[in-house]
Amino acid sequence: MNRAAVVVNPIKIDDLEIFKKDVGAALAAQGWDEPLWLETTQADPGGGQAAEAVRAGVNLVMAAGGDGTVTACAAGLAGQSVPLAILPSGTGNVLALNIGIPLDLAPALDVALTGVDRKIDLGVANDRPFVAMAGLGLDAKMLRSASETAKKRFGNAAYVGALLRHLADSPLRVTVRSDGGRPKRYSATGIIVGNVGWLHRGIRLMPDAQPDDGLLDAVVLTSRGLVSSIMLGLRILLRREGTQLVRGSFRSLSIRVARAQLWELDGEVIGPTRELKVGIHAEKLLLRVPDVSRDDDDAAR
């Protein structure tokens, strides 16, 4: 019989006992053994647990938590033949959103147990792996300002209030070099690098980003005050480029700033840096995704 490991972040689960009961019942209904339960800790947010699951010989690792838990599990499974499934339990759930994994537990479990496996790329920023996005400047400040209490109470709306606090911040003097080319200089509010393109439903920041194309995408954002920010928002929604929004694709990227700035990786604020070096490991992670052919068959019936 098949056996799964569930790497769970207990902080992100409202009632852990009910969660375990529901997951165990779904697995049993599909003929799977009782899962191996592994809880994350502050010292190890999922990488060690995912590696332990592989050593235990499981057929599937489920990451139950937010983007940080997913990223840590991905790092522990990189290069392995054991697929990673996502049971979204955080606020952002950026990779799940981009891959088409439902945010509710029951349909997410259905994808985990009946989906197909897809090899996706892993990004690396300053030697740290990421699956969705990394950024420097505005988005990192926004994440730092959005408290866990506000996110639990208001969801994604908590990020809007945090974003408004930093719209008038002084722009960064940035030098960007991609794939060893000539350096380009910007006066920017922030830079976001993506393995995927959707921030939230309806907001596709990097329209060309695909998680398995062997490339990463980047966008340089510039806004100064409320009116400029509204114009920038419209450009993002309409997927138009201009002086406020510059996009590109690359395999390696170097970002230098005149003064140290906060940077983030898959929703986790890492700290200040004056340089961000970004690269890609192609087809490094096996991810369990929805079976589109199955959906097409259901629609036909």
C-alpha atoms as a PDB file:
ATOM      1  CA  MET A   1       0.000   0.000   0.000  1.00  0.00           C
ATOM      2  CA  ASN A   2       0.996   3.641  -0.463  1.00  0.00           C
ATOM      3  CA  ARG A   3       1.983   5.857   2.437  1.00  0.00           C
ATOM      4  CA  ALA A   4       2.205   9.649   2.615  1.00  0.00           C
ATOM      5  CA  ALA A   5       3.995  11.945   5.026  1.00  0.00           C
ATOM      6  CA  VAL A   6       2.261  15.139   6.148  1.00  0.00           C
ATOM      7  CA  VAL A   7       4.638  17.940   7.097  1.00  0.00           C
ATOM      8  CA  VAL A   8       2.371  20.268   9.040  1.00  0.00           C
ATOM      9  CA  ASN A   9       2.934  23.727  10.478  1.00  0.00           C
ATOM     10  CA  PRO A  10       0.759  23.567  13.613  1.00  0.00           C
ATOM     11  CA  ILE A  11       0.595  27.355  13.883  1.00  0.00           C
ATOM     12  CA  LYS A  12      -1.288  27.536  10.571  1.00  0.00           C
ATOM     13  CA  ILE A  13      -3.922  24.917  11.508  1.00  0.00           C
ATOM     14  CA  ASP A  14      -6.924  26.033  13.581  1.00  0.00           C
ATOM     15  CA  ASP A  15      -7.715  22.565  14.997  1.00  0.00           C
ATOM     16  CA  LEU A  16      -4.894  20.090  14.457  1.00  0.00           C
ATOM     17  CA  GLU A  17      -6.810  17.046  15.706  1.00  0.00           C
ATOM     18  CA  ILE A  18      -9.725  17.616  13.325  1.00  0.00           C
ATOM     19  CA  PHE A  19      -7.243  18.305  10.517  1.00  0.00           C
ATOM     20  CA  LYS A  20      -5.465  14.987  11.161  1.00  0.00           C
ATOM     21  CA  LYS A  21      -8.778  13.147  11.273  1.00  0.00           C
ATOM     22  CA  ASP A  22      -9.929  14.633   7.933  1.00  0.00           C
ATOM     23  CA  VAL A  23      -6.613  13.942   6.180  1.00  0.00           C
ATOM     24  CA  GLY A  24      -6.433  10.400   7.550  1.00  0.00           C
ATOM     25  CA  ALA A  25      -9.995   9.669   6.419  1.00  0.00           C
ATOM     26  CA  ALA A  26      -9.312  10.975   2.893  1.00  0.00           C
ATOM     27  CA  LEU A  27      -6.200   8.822   2.608  1.00  0.00           C
ATOM     28  CA  ALA A  28      -7.980   5.725   3.931  1.00  0.00           C
ATOM     29  CA  ALA A  29     -10.822   6.232   1.441  1.00  0.00           C
ATOM     30  CA  GLN A  30      -8.256   6.056  -1.380  1.00  0.00           C
ATOM     31  CA  GLY A  31      -6.614   2.928   0.076  1.00  0.00           C
ATOM     32  CA  TRP A  32      -3.566   4.631   1.597  1.00  0.00           C
ATOM     33  CA  ASP A  33      -1.921   3.674   4.891  1.00  0.00           C
ATOM     34  CA  GLU A  34      -2.031   5.880   7.980  1.00  0.00           C
ATOM     35  CA  PRO A  35       0.239   8.856   7.182  1.00  0.00           C
ATOM     36  CA  LEU A  36       3.523   9.738   8.825  1.00  0.00           C
ATOM     37  CA  TRP A  37       2.935  12.998  10.724  1.00  0.00           C
ATOM     38  CA  LEU A  38       5.847  15.420  11.034  1.00  0.00           C
ATOM     39  CA  GLU A  39       5.432  18.859  12.631  1.00  0.00           C
ATOM     40  CA  THR A  40       7.571  21.837  11.724  1.00  0.00           C
ATOM     41  CA  THR A  41       9.473  23.801  14.338  1.00  0.00           C
ATOM     42  CA  GLN A  42      10.915  27.282  14.526  1.00  0.00           C
ATOM     43  CA  ALA A  43      14.372  25.786  14.039  1.00  0.00           C
ATOM     44  CA  ASP A  44      13.291  23.559  11.120  1.00  0.00           C
ATOM     45  CA  PRO A  45      10.324  24.889   9.072  1.00  0.00           C
ATOM     46  CA  GLY A  46      10.012  21.759   6.915  1.00  0.00           C
ATOM     47  CA  GLY A  47      13.212  20.879   5.085  1.00  0.00           C
ATOM     48  CA  GLY A  48      14.457  18.371   7.635  1.00  0.00           C
ATOM     49  CA  GLN A  49      11.026  16.797   7.964  1.00  0.00           C
ATOM     50  CA  ALA A  50      10.708  16.360   4.182  1.00  0.00           C
ATOM     51  CA  ALA A  51      14.145  14.725   4.043  1.00  0.00           C
ATOM     52  CA  GLU A  52      13.155  12.450   6.939  1.00  0.00           C
ATOM     53  CA  ALA A  53      10.014  11.455   5.042  1.00  0.00           C
ATOM     54  CA  VAL A  54      12.098  10.442   2.027  1.00  0.00           C
ATOM     55  CA  ARG A  55      14.332   8.300   4.245  1.00  0.00           C
ATOM     56  CA  ALA A  56      11.195   6.654   5.659  1.00  0.00           C
ATOM     57  CA  GLY A  57      10.286   5.508   2.142  1.00  0.00           C
ATOM     58  CA  VAL A  58       7.004   7.377   1.677  1.00  0.00           C
ATOM     59  CA  ASN A  59       5.383   7.747  -1.744  1.00  0.00           C
ATOM     60  CA  LEU A  60       4.216  11.342  -1.271  1.00  0.00           C
ATOM     61  CA  VAL A  61       4.989  14.336   0.940  1.00  0.00           C
ATOM     62  CA  MET A  62       2.167  16.768   1.730  1.00  0.00           C
ATOM     63  CA  ALA A  63       3.084  20.262   2.917  1.00  0.00           C
ATOM     64  CA  ALA A  64       0.330  21.624   5.177  1.00  0.00           C
ATOM     65  CA  GLY A  65       1.051  25.265   5.916  1.00  0.00           C
ATOM     66  CA  GLY A  66       1.812  28.558   4.264  1.00  0.00           C
ATOM     67  CA  ASP A  67       4.306  29.477   1.562  1.00  0.00           C
ATOM     68  CA  GLY A  68       7.211  29.155   4.000  1.00  0.00           C
ATOM     69  CA  THR A  69       6.323  25.534   4.785  1.00  0.00           C
ATOM     70  CA  VAL A  70       5.973  24.709   1.085  1.00  0.00           C
ATOM     71  CA  THR A  71       9.336  26.290   0.281  1.00  0.00           C
ATOM     72  CA  ALA A  72      11.113  24.453   3.103  1.00  0.00           C
ATOM     73  CA  CYS A  73       9.634  21.120   2.021  1.00  0.00           C
ATOM     74  CA  ALA A  74      10.612  21.835  -1.584  1.00  0.00           C
ATOM     75  CA  ALA A  75      14.209  22.407  -0.464  1.00  0.00           C
ATOM     76  CA  GLY A  76      14.168  19.053   1.346  1.00  0.00           C
ATOM     77  CA  LEU A  77      12.765  17.251  -1.713  1.00  0.00           C
ATOM     78  CA  ALA A  78      14.839  18.959  -4.421  1.00  0.00           C
ATOM     79  CA  GLY A  79      16.265  16.377  -6.796  1.00  0.00           C
ATOM     80  CA  GLN A  80      14.276  13.515  -5.245  1.00  0.00           C
ATOM     81  CA  SER A  81      11.745  11.253  -6.975  1.00  0.00           C
ATOM     82  CA  VAL A  82       9.141  11.711  -4.211  1.00  0.00           C
ATOM     83  CA  PRO A  83       6.508  14.291  -5.245  1.00  0.00           C
ATOM     84  CA  LEU A  84       5.377  17.231  -3.133  1.00  0.00           C
ATOM     85  CA  ALA A  85       1.665  17.963  -2.686  1.00  0.00           C
ATOM     86  CA  ILE A  86       0.310  21.174  -1.162  1.00  0.00           C
ATOM     87  CA  LEU A  87      -2.472  21.488   1.420  1.00  0.00           C
ATOM     88  CA  PRO A  88      -2.703  25.311   1.565  1.00  0.00           C
ATOM     89  CA  SER A  89      -3.120  26.702   5.066  1.00  0.00           C
ATOM     90  CA  GLY A  90      -1.501  30.137   4.906  1.00  0.00           C
ATOM     91  CA  THR A  91      -2.536  33.621   3.796  1.00  0.00           C
ATOM     92  CA  GLY A  92      -0.632  33.974   0.525  1.00  0.00           C
ATOM     93  CA  ASN A  93      -0.533  30.417  -0.886  1.00  0.00           C
ATOM     94  CA  VAL A  94       1.160  31.828  -3.995  1.00  0.00           C
ATOM     95  CA  LEU A  95       2.441  28.571  -5.515  1.00  0.00           C
ATOM     96  CA  ALA A  96      -0.890  26.819  -4.919  1.00  0.00           C
ATOM     97  CA  LEU A  97      -2.724  29.682  -6.619  1.00  0.00           C
ATOM     98  CA  ASN A  98      -0.454  29.583  -9.667  1.00  0.00           C
ATOM     99  CA  ILE A  99      -0.577  25.801 -10.037  1.00  0.00           C
ATOM    100  CA  GLY A 100      -4.370  25.638  -9.654  1.00  0.00           C
ATOM    101  CA  ILE A 101      -4.471  23.843  -6.306  1.00  0.00           C
ATOM    102  CA  PRO A 102      -7.728  24.606  -4.414  1.00  0.00           C
ATOM    103  CA  LEU A 103      -7.428  26.433  -1.100  1.00  0.00           C
ATOM    104  CA  ASP A 104     -10.042  24.266   0.653  1.00  0.00           C
ATOM    105  CA  LEU A 105      -8.812  21.081   2.277  1.00  0.00           C
ATOM    106  CA  ALA A 106     -11.083  18.487   0.642  1.00  0.00           C
ATOM    107  CA  PRO A 107     -10.395  19.438  -3.007  1.00  0.00           C
ATOM    108  CA  ALA A 108      -6.705  20.013  -2.221  1.00  0.00           C
ATOM    109  CA  LEU A 109      -6.534  16.468  -0.856  1.00  0.00           C
ATOM    110  CA  ASP A 110      -8.238  15.236  -4.015  1.00  0.00           C
ATOM    111  CA  VAL A 111      -5.456  16.831  -6.088  1.00  0.00           C
ATOM    112  CA  ALA A 112      -2.822  15.322  -3.780  1.00  0.00           C
ATOM    113  CA  LEU A 113      -4.219  11.815  -4.224  1.00  0.00           C
ATOM    114  CA  THR A 114      -5.470  11.855  -7.827  1.00  0.00           C
ATOM    115  CA  GLY A 115      -3.328  14.509  -9.522  1.00  0.00           C
ATOM    116  CA  VAL A 116      -0.319  14.137 -11.801  1.00  0.00           C
ATOM    117  CA  ASP A 117       3.348  14.897 -11.193  1.00  0.00           C
ATOM    118  CA  ARG A 118       5.034  17.834 -12.900  1.00  0.00           C
ATOM    119  CA  LYS A 119       8.703  18.798 -12.779  1.00  0.00           C
ATOM    120  CA  ILE A 120       9.118  22.477 -11.942  1.00  0.00           C
ATOM    121  CA  ASP A 121      12.097  24.767 -11.553  1.00  0.00           C
ATOM    122  CA  LEU A 122      13.534  26.036  -8.291  1.00  0.00           C
ATOM    123  CA  GLY A 123      14.842  29.554  -7.935  1.00  0.00           C
ATOM    124  CA  VAL A 124      17.821  30.363  -5.727  1.00  0.00           C
ATOM    125  CA  ALA A 125      18.345  33.791  -4.165  1.00  0.00           C
ATOM    126  CA  ASN A 126      21.552  34.379  -2.195  1.00  0.00           C
ATOM    127  CA  ASP A 127      21.943  30.587  -1.913  1.00  0.00           C
ATOM    128  CA  ARG A 128      18.391  30.101  -0.557  1.00  0.00           C
ATOM    129  CA  PRO A 129      15.842  28.155  -2.670  1.00  0.00           C
ATOM    130  CA  PHE A 130      12.390  29.511  -3.530  1.00  0.00           C
ATOM    131  CA  VAL A 131       9.454  28.122  -5.467  1.00  0.00           C
ATOM    132  CA  ALA A 132       7.329  31.201  -6.176  1.00  0.00           C
ATOM    133  CA  MET A 133       8.857  34.663  -5.737  1.00  0.00           C
ATOM    134  CA  ALA A 134      11.632  36.679  -4.136  1.00  0.00           C
ATOM    135  CA  GLY A 135      11.781  40.434  -3.882  1.00  0.00           C
ATOM    136  CA  LEU A 136      13.712  43.433  -2.648  1.00  0.00           C
ATOM    137  CA  GLY A 137      12.290  46.732  -1.428  1.00  0.00           C
ATOM    138  CA  LEU A 138       8.555  47.434  -1.416  1.00  0.00           C
ATOM    139  CA  ASP A 139       7.173  43.888  -1.153  1.00  0.00           C
ATOM    140  CA  ALA A 140       9.571  42.995   1.677  1.00  0.00           C
ATOM    141  CA  LYS A 141       8.573  46.140   3.582  1.00  0.00           C
ATOM    142  CA  MET A 142       4.917  45.283   3.042  1.00  0.00           C
ATOM    143  CA  LEU A 143       5.410  41.766   4.398  1.00  0.00           C
ATOM    144  CA  ARG A 144       7.325  43.070   7.427  1.00  0.00           C
ATOM    145  CA  SER A 145       4.507  45.525   8.227  1.00  0.00           C
ATOM    146  CA  ALA A 146       1.678  42.951   7.932  1.00  0.00           C
ATOM    147  CA  SER A 147       1.356  41.310  11.353  1.00  0.00           C
ATOM    148  CA  GLU A 148       0.219  37.727  11.874  1.00  0.00           C
ATOM    149  CA  THR A 149      -2.751  39.044  13.854  1.00  0.00           C
ATOM    150  CA  ALA A 150      -3.841  41.290  10.970  1.00  0.00           C
ATOM    151  CA  LYS A 151      -3.425  38.467   8.437  1.00  0.00           C
ATOM    152  CA  LYS A 152      -5.553  36.093  10.504  1.00  0.00           C
ATOM    153  CA  ARG A 153      -8.242  38.737  10.956  1.00  0.00           C
ATOM    154  CA  PHE A 154      -8.304  40.386   7.527  1.00  0.00           C
ATOM    155  CA  GLY A 155      -6.603  37.878   5.205  1.00  0.00           C
ATOM    156  CA  ASN A 156      -4.990  39.386   2.102  1.00  0.00           C
ATOM    157  CA  ALA A 157      -6.515  42.785   2.938  1.00  0.00           C
ATOM    158  CA  ALA A 158      -3.874  43.076   5.664  1.00  0.00           C
ATOM    159  CA  TYR A 159      -1.262  43.472   2.938  1.00  0.00           C
ATOM    160  CA  VAL A 160      -3.086  46.456   1.435  1.00  0.00           C
ATOM    161  CA  GLY A 161      -2.826  48.460   4.649  1.00  0.00           C
ATOM    162  CA  ALA A 162       0.822  47.474   5.005  1.00  0.00           C
ATOM    163  CA  LEU A 163       1.501  48.514   1.409  1.00  0.00           C
ATOM    164  CA  LEU A 164      -0.038  51.969   1.885  1.00  0.00           C
ATOM    165  CA  ARG A 165       2.446  52.725   4.666  1.00  0.00           C
ATOM    166  CA  HIS A 166       5.370  52.502   2.250  1.00  0.00           C
ATOM    167  CA  LEU A 167       4.095  54.161  -0.930  1.00  0.00           C
ATOM    168  CA  ALA A 168       5.864  57.412  -0.106  1.00  0.00           C
ATOM    169  CA  ASP A 169       9.207  55.777   0.747  1.00  0.00           C
ATOM    170  CA  SER A 170      12.243  57.092  -1.099  1.00  0.00           C
ATOM    171  CA  PRO A 171      13.093  55.075  -4.255  1.00  0.00           C
ATOM    172  CA  LEU A 172      16.077  52.749  -4.357  1.00  0.00           C
ATOM    173  CA  ARG A 173      19.104  53.311  -6.559  1.00  0.00           C
ATOM    174  CA  VAL A 174      19.405  49.896  -8.206  1.00  0.00           C
ATOM    175  CA  THR A 175      21.865  48.335 -10.641  1.00  0.00           C
ATOM    176  CA  VAL A 176      20.653  45.194 -12.400  1.00  0.00           C
ATOM    177  CA  ARG A 177      22.686  42.770 -14.540  1.00  0.00           C
ATOM    178  CA  SER A 178      21.012  39.747 -16.163  1.00  0.00           C
ATOM    179  CA  ASP A 179      22.780  36.755 -17.732  1.00  0.00           C
ATOM    180  CA  GLY A 180      26.124  38.526 -17.637  1.00  0.00           C
ATOM    181  CA  GLY A 181      24.913  41.395 -19.840  1.00  0.00           C
ATOM    182  CA  ARG A 182      25.436  45.120 -19.469  1.00  0.00           C
ATOM    183  CA  PRO A 183      24.292  46.640 -16.163  1.00  0.00           C
ATOM    184  CA  LYS A 184      21.101  48.710 -16.148  1.00  0.00           C
ATOM    185  CA  ARG A 185      20.363  51.358 -13.537  1.00  0.00           C
ATOM    186  CA  TYR A 186      16.953  52.210 -12.110  1.00  0.00           C
ATOM    187  CA  SER A 187      15.401  54.423  -9.478  1.00  0.00           C
ATOM    188  CA  ALA A 188      12.951  51.815  -8.245  1.00  0.00           C
ATOM    189  CA  THR A 189      10.418  51.201  -5.499  1.00  0.00           C
ATOM    190  CA  GLY A 190      11.094  47.481  -5.562  1.00  0.00           C
ATOM    191  CA  ILE A 191      12.109  44.476  -7.665  1.00  0.00           C
ATOM    192  CA  ILE A 192      10.263  41.148  -7.696  1.00  0.00           C
ATOM    193  CA  VAL A 193      11.639  37.937  -9.192  1.00  0.00           C
ATOM    194  CA  GLY A 194       9.191  35.160 -10.017  1.00  0.00           C
ATOM    195  CA  ASN A 195       9.146  31.489 -10.899  1.00  0.00           C
ATOM    196  CA  VAL A 196       5.385  32.056 -11.278  1.00  0.00           C
ATOM    197  CA  GLY A 197       3.418  35.139 -12.302  1.00  0.00           C
ATOM    198  CA  TRP A 198       0.197  35.480 -10.291  1.00  0.00           C
ATOM    199  CA  LEU A 199       0.273  37.435  -7.022  1.00  0.00           C
ATOM    200  CA  HIS A 200      -3.414  36.935  -6.287  1.00  0.00           C
ATOM    201  CA  ARG A 201      -6.497  36.194  -8.340  1.00  0.00           C
ATOM    202  CA  GLY A 202      -6.787  38.884 -11.002  1.00  0.00           C
ATOM    203  CA  ILE A 203      -3.253  40.212 -10.396  1.00  0.00           C
ATOM    204  CA  ARG A 204      -0.768  38.652 -12.791  1.00  0.00           C
ATOM    205  CA  LEU A 205       2.422  40.589 -12.187  1.00  0.00           C
ATOM    206  CA  MET A 206       4.590  38.599 -14.616  1.00  0.00           C
ATOM    207  CA  PRO A 207       2.394  37.311 -17.480  1.00  0.00           C
ATOM    208  CA  ASP A 208       5.145  35.253 -19.146  1.00  0.00           C
ATOM    209  CA  ALA A 209       6.322  33.409 -16.032  1.00  0.00           C
ATOM    210  CA  GLN A 210       6.047  29.611 -16.156  1.00  0.00           C
ATOM    211  CA  PRO A 211       7.386  27.343 -13.396  1.00  0.00           C
ATOM    212  CA  ASP A 212       8.916  24.824 -15.824  1.00  0.00           C
ATOM    213  CA  ASP A 213      10.405  26.915 -18.649  1.00  0.00           C
ATOM    214  CA  GLY A 214      13.987  27.002 -17.338  1.00  0.00           C
ATOM    215  CA  LEU A 215      13.744  30.770 -16.811  1.00  0.00           C
ATOM    216  CA  LEU A 216      12.895  33.209 -14.050  1.00  0.00           C
ATOM    217  CA  ASP A 217      11.053  36.473 -14.643  1.00  0.00           C
ATOM    218  CA  ALA A 218      11.603  39.845 -12.995  1.00  0.00           C
ATOM    219  CA  VAL A 219       9.768  43.135 -12.766  1.00  0.00           C
ATOM    220  CA  VAL A 220      11.153  46.509 -11.697  1.00  0.00           C
ATOM    221  CA  LEU A 221       8.452  48.651 -10.052  1.00  0.00           C
ATOM    222  CA  THR A 222       8.528  52.412  -9.601  1.00  0.00           C
ATOM    223  CA  SER A 223       5.939  54.593  -7.867  1.00  0.00           C
ATOM    224  CA  ARG A 224       6.096  57.926  -6.055  1.00  0.00           C
ATOM    225  CA  GLY A 225       3.035  58.715  -3.973  1.00  0.00           C
ATOM    226  CA  LEU A 226      -0.639  57.860  -4.296  1.00  0.00           C
ATOM    227  CA  VAL A 227      -1.336  58.956  -7.893  1.00  0.00           C
ATOM    228  CA  SER A 228       1.780  57.247  -9.194  1.00  0.00           C
ATOM    229  CA  SER A 229       0.852  54.076  -7.283  1.00  0.00           C
ATOM    230  CA  ILE A 230      -2.637  54.071  -8.819  1.00  0.00           C
ATOM    231  CA  MET A 231      -1.102  54.350 -12.288  1.00  0.00           C
ATOM    232  CA  LEU A 232       1.293  51.509 -11.463  1.00  0.00           C
ATOM    233  CA  GLY A 233      -1.604  49.374 -10.262  1.00  0.00           C
ATOM    234  CA  LEU A 234      -3.470  49.977 -13.516  1.00  0.00           C
ATOM    235  CA  ARG A 235      -0.420  48.979 -15.544  1.00  0.00           C
ATOM    236  CA  ILE A 236      -0.179  45.727 -13.577  1.00  0.00           C
ATOM    237  CA  LEU A 237      -3.864  44.931 -14.036  1.00  0.00           C
ATOM    238  CA  LEU A 238      -3.741  45.768 -17.761  1.00  0.00           C
ATOM    239  CA  ARG A 239      -0.393  43.938 -18.163  1.00  0.00           C
ATOM    240  CA  ARG A 240       1.275  46.944 -19.765  1.00  0.00           C
ATOM    241  CA  GLU A 241       4.889  47.963 -19.483  1.00  0.00           C
ATOM    242  CA  GLY A 242       6.332  51.456 -19.229  1.00  0.00           C
ATOM    243  CA  THR A 243       8.784  53.481 -17.185  1.00  0.00           C
ATOM    244  CA  GLN A 244       6.956  52.458 -14.003  1.00  0.00           C
ATOM    245  CA  LEU A 245       6.985  48.752 -14.799  1.00  0.00           C
ATOM    246  CA  VAL A 246       9.826  46.983 -16.625  1.00  0.00           C
ATOM    247  CA  ARG A 247       9.795  43.204 -17.135  1.00  0.00           C
ATOM    248  CA  GLY A 248      12.353  40.659 -18.320  1.00  0.00           C
ATOM    249  CA  SER A 249      13.361  36.973 -18.224  1.00  0.00           C
ATOM    250  CA  PHE A 250      16.733  35.504 -17.257  1.00  0.00           C
ATOM    251  CA  ARG A 251      18.706  32.550 -15.920  1.00  0.00           C
ATOM    252  CA  SER A 252      20.954  34.566 -13.623  1.00  0.00           C
ATOM    253  CA  LEU A 253      20.450  38.019 -12.158  1.00  0.00           C
ATOM    254  CA  SER A 254      22.469  40.343  -9.953  1.00  0.00           C
ATOM    255  CA  ILE A 255      20.724  43.192  -8.122  1.00  0.00           C
ATOM    256  CA  ARG A 256      22.775  45.798  -6.281  1.00  0.00           C
ATOM    257  CA  VAL A 257      21.426  48.677  -4.208  1.00  0.00           C
ATOM    258  CA  ALA A 258      23.236  51.760  -2.908  1.00  0.00           C
ATOM    259  CA  ARG A 259      21.910  51.199   0.633  1.00  0.00           C
ATOM    260  CA  ALA A 260      20.988  47.923   2.302  1.00  0.00           C
ATOM    261  CA  GLN A 261      17.306  47.042   1.796  1.00  0.00           C
ATOM    262  CA  LEU A 262      14.969  44.371   3.132  1.00  0.00           C
ATOM    263  CA  TRP A 263      14.447  41.352   0.903  1.00  0.00           C
ATOM    264  CA  GLU A 264      11.985  38.478   1.048  1.00  0.00           C
ATOM    265  CA  LEU A 265      11.733  34.955  -0.220  1.00  0.00           C
ATOM    266  CA  ASP A 266       8.347  33.235  -0.718  1.00  0.00           C
ATOM    267  CA  GLY A 267       6.688  35.534   1.798  1.00  0.00           C
ATOM    268  CA  GLU A 268       9.418  35.355   4.456  1.00  0.00           C
ATOM    269  CA  VAL A 269      11.369  38.537   5.186  1.00  0.00           C
ATOM    270  CA  ILE A 270      15.028  37.530   5.328  1.00  0.00           C
ATOM    271  CA  GLY A 271      16.667  40.821   6.321  1.00  0.00           C
ATOM    272  CA  PRO A 272      18.664  43.684   4.804  1.00  0.00           C
ATOM    273  CA  THR A 273      21.125  43.222   1.939  1.00  0.00           C
ATOM    274  CA  ARG A 274      22.964  45.355  -0.596  1.00  0.00           C
ATOM    275  CA  GLU A 275      23.095  42.596  -3.212  1.00  0.00           C
ATOM    276  CA  LEU A 276      20.733  39.875  -4.364  1.00  0.00           C
ATOM    277  CA  LYS A 277      22.121  37.109  -6.596  1.00  0.00           C
ATOM    278  CA  VAL A 278      19.428  35.007  -8.238  1.00  0.00           C
ATOM    279  CA  GLY A 279      19.686  31.841 -10.327  1.00  0.00           C
ATOM    280  CA  ILE A 280      17.658  28.795 -11.333  1.00  0.00           C
ATOM    281  CA  HIS A 281      17.808  25.009 -11.027  1.00  0.00           C
ATOM    282  CA  ALA A 282      15.703  23.657 -13.880  1.00  0.00           C
ATOM    283  CA  GLU A 283      13.279  20.743 -13.291  1.00  0.00           C
ATOM    284  CA  LYS A 284      14.507  20.250  -9.743  1.00  0.00           C
ATOM    285  CA  LEU A 285      11.205  19.606  -7.938  1.00  0.00           C
ATOM    286  CA  LEU A 286       8.487  17.017  -8.586  1.00  0.00           C
ATOM    287  CA  LEU A 287       5.150  18.676  -7.759  1.00  0.00           C
ATOM    288  CA  ARG A 288       1.701  17.074  -7.562  1.00  0.00           C
ATOM    289  CA  VAL A 289      -0.698  19.198  -9.654  1.00  0.00           C
ATOM    290  CA  PRO A 290      -4.332  18.906 -10.826  1.00  0.00           C
ATOM    291  CA  ASP A 291      -4.989  16.369 -13.596  1.00  0.00           C
ATOM    292  CA  VAL A 292      -6.360  18.637 -16.325  1.00  0.00           C
ATOM    293  CA  SER A 293      -7.384  15.678 -18.507  1.00  0.00           C
ATOM    294  CA  ARG A 294      -9.534  14.397 -15.665  1.00  0.00           C
ATOM    295  CA  ASP A 295     -11.256  17.783 -15.410  1.00  0.00           C
ATOM    296  CA  ASP A 296     -11.852  17.777 -19.163  1.00  0.00           C
ATOM    297  CA  ASP A 297     -13.433  14.300 -18.935  1.00  0.00           C
ATOM    298  CA  ASP A 298     -15.688  15.460 -16.086  1.00  0.00           C
ATOM    299  CA  ALA A 299     -16.742  18.519 -18.096  1.00  0.00           C
ATOM    300  CA  ALA A 300     -17.514  16.359 -21.129  1.00  0.00           C
ATOM    301  CA  ARG A 301     -19.699  14.049 -19.072  1.00  0.00           C
END
